Amino acid sequence: MSTSGSSVLTRIVVIGVCLGGTLLGLRNTYGDNSEAEVKAKAAACGEGRECQDFRLLNQGRSAFSQTFSYQVSLTEKGRQRSASTDVECKRAYILLGDFECKVTSGGLPAPAGS
């Protein structure tokens, strides 16, 4: 049985893509996620705010996303505000790129006057 050169090349490319995808997925699941944590806290607190307390309630990681649940509190105009916030972080290009995080549920109320 003979195999053509293009068939062998195709198999090598497919194996390379599969191995690369697997390694990137493992990195997203088990690698350093400090970048995602920083961006998740910023999303949980809200744009332009400085929260004083973050309590991690739950964290989940997969090859494609990371989820964080926080109990967040801050003081605005002498008033203490607190809320549970769920945040999901995904990479810009499925397995590659910077993390982009958004609140999926809960969150602190909007500042008064906005």
Protein backbone atom coordinates (compact mmCIF):
# COMPACT_ATOMS: atom_id res chain seq x y z
CA MET A 1 0.00 0.00 0.00
CA SER A 2 1.58 3.31 -1.02
CA THR A 3 0.83 6.67 0.49
CA SER A 4 1.18 9.87 -1.48
CA GLY A 5 3.33 12.73 -0.16
CA SER A 6 0.37 15.09 0.19
CA SER A 7 -1.53 12.53 2.27
CA VAL A 8 1.38 12.22 4.70
CA LEU A 9 1.71 16.01 4.88
CA THR A 10 -2.03 16.35 5.55
CA ARG A 11 -1.82 13.82 8.39
CA ILE A 12 1.15 15.64 9.93
CA VAL A 13 -0.69 18.97 9.77
CA VAL A 14 -3.85 17.50 11.33
CA ILE A 15 -1.85 15.85 14.13
CA GLY A 16 0.02 19.13 14.74
CA VAL A 17 -3.22 21.11 14.95
CA CYS A 18 -4.74 18.57 17.34
CA LEU A 19 -1.66 18.53 19.59
CA GLY A 20 -1.44 22.34 19.54
CA GLY A 21 -5.12 22.70 20.45
CA THR A 22 -4.74 20.18 23.25
CA LEU A 23 -1.71 21.98 24.69
CA LEU A 24 -3.46 25.38 24.53
CA GLY A 25 -6.54 23.90 26.22
CA LEU A 26 -4.39 22.41 28.98
CA ARG A 27 -2.69 25.78 29.46
CA ASN A 28 -6.07 27.51 29.82
CA THR A 29 -7.32 24.88 32.27
CA TYR A 30 -4.26 24.28 34.44
CA GLY A 31 -1.87 27.17 33.74
CA ASP A 32 -1.36 30.47 35.53
CA ASN A 33 -4.64 32.40 35.52
CA SER A 34 -3.55 35.54 37.36
CA GLU A 35 -4.39 37.69 34.31
CA ALA A 36 -7.94 36.33 34.26
CA GLU A 37 -8.33 36.88 38.03
CA VAL A 38 -7.27 40.54 37.80
CA LYS A 39 -9.65 41.21 34.91
CA ALA A 40 -12.49 39.28 36.63
CA LYS A 41 -12.13 41.41 39.77
CA ALA A 42 -12.19 44.59 37.69
CA ALA A 43 -15.35 43.43 35.92
CA ALA A 44 -16.98 42.40 39.21
CA CYS A 45 -16.30 45.78 40.80
CA GLY A 46 -17.38 47.83 37.80
CA GLU A 47 -15.64 50.34 35.58
CA GLY A 48 -13.88 53.15 37.41
CA ARG A 49 -14.54 51.80 40.91
CA GLU A 50 -12.16 50.61 43.60
CA CYS A 51 -13.67 47.79 45.66
CA GLN A 52 -12.22 47.16 49.11
CA ASP A 53 -13.16 43.52 49.57
CA PHE A 54 -13.33 40.53 47.23
CA ARG A 55 -14.29 37.17 48.63
CA LEU A 56 -13.98 34.33 46.12
CA LEU A 57 -17.06 32.14 46.44
CA ASN A 58 -16.51 29.81 43.50
CA GLN A 59 -14.16 29.33 40.58
CA GLY A 60 -14.40 27.12 37.50
CA ARG A 61 -11.93 26.56 34.70
CA SER A 62 -12.23 24.88 31.32
CA ALA A 63 -10.26 24.95 28.08
CA PHE A 64 -12.50 27.74 26.73
CA SER A 65 -13.46 29.91 29.70
CA GLN A 66 -13.06 30.62 33.39
CA THR A 67 -15.83 31.59 35.78
CA PHE A 68 -15.54 33.41 39.09
CA SER A 69 -18.15 34.14 41.74
CA TYR A 70 -17.27 36.94 44.17
CA GLN A 71 -18.82 38.64 47.13
CA VAL A 72 -17.81 42.23 46.42
CA SER A 73 -18.12 45.30 48.63
CA LEU A 74 -17.18 48.95 48.33
CA THR A 75 -17.94 52.23 50.02
CA GLU A 76 -19.34 55.06 47.89
CA LYS A 77 -20.30 58.41 49.39
CA GLY A 78 -20.17 56.93 52.88
CA ARG A 79 -22.52 54.10 51.99
CA GLN A 80 -21.42 50.45 52.10
CA ARG A 81 -22.53 48.43 49.07
CA SER A 82 -22.18 44.67 48.72
CA ALA A 83 -23.29 42.09 46.16
CA SER A 84 -22.60 38.65 44.77
CA THR A 85 -21.25 38.81 41.25
CA ASP A 86 -20.64 36.09 38.66
CA VAL A 87 -18.00 36.81 36.01
CA GLU A 88 -17.02 34.82 32.92
CA CYS A 89 -13.64 35.28 31.26
CA LYS A 90 -12.84 34.04 27.76
CA ARG A 91 -9.83 34.47 25.54
CA ALA A 92 -10.25 36.78 22.55
CA TYR A 93 -9.60 34.00 19.99
CA ILE A 94 -11.01 30.83 21.63
CA LEU A 95 -7.68 29.40 22.88
CA LEU A 96 -5.43 32.40 22.23
CA GLY A 97 -5.29 36.09 23.08
CA ASP A 98 -5.95 38.17 26.15
CA PHE A 99 -8.78 37.41 28.53
CA GLU A 100 -11.98 39.42 28.22
CA CYS A 101 -14.26 39.29 31.25
CA LYS A 102 -17.90 40.23 31.70
CA VAL A 103 -20.44 40.05 34.50
CA THR A 104 -22.97 37.29 33.82
CA SER A 105 -25.20 37.81 36.86
CA GLY A 106 -25.51 39.88 39.98
CA GLY A 107 -23.21 42.80 40.53
CA LEU A 108 -23.05 46.04 42.41
CA PRO A 109 -25.73 48.62 41.74
CA ALA A 110 -24.83 51.50 39.46
CA PRO A 111 -23.39 54.51 41.27
CA ALA A 112 -25.92 57.13 42.28
CA GLY A 113 -26.30 59.77 39.61
CA SER A 114 -25.31 57.62 36.64
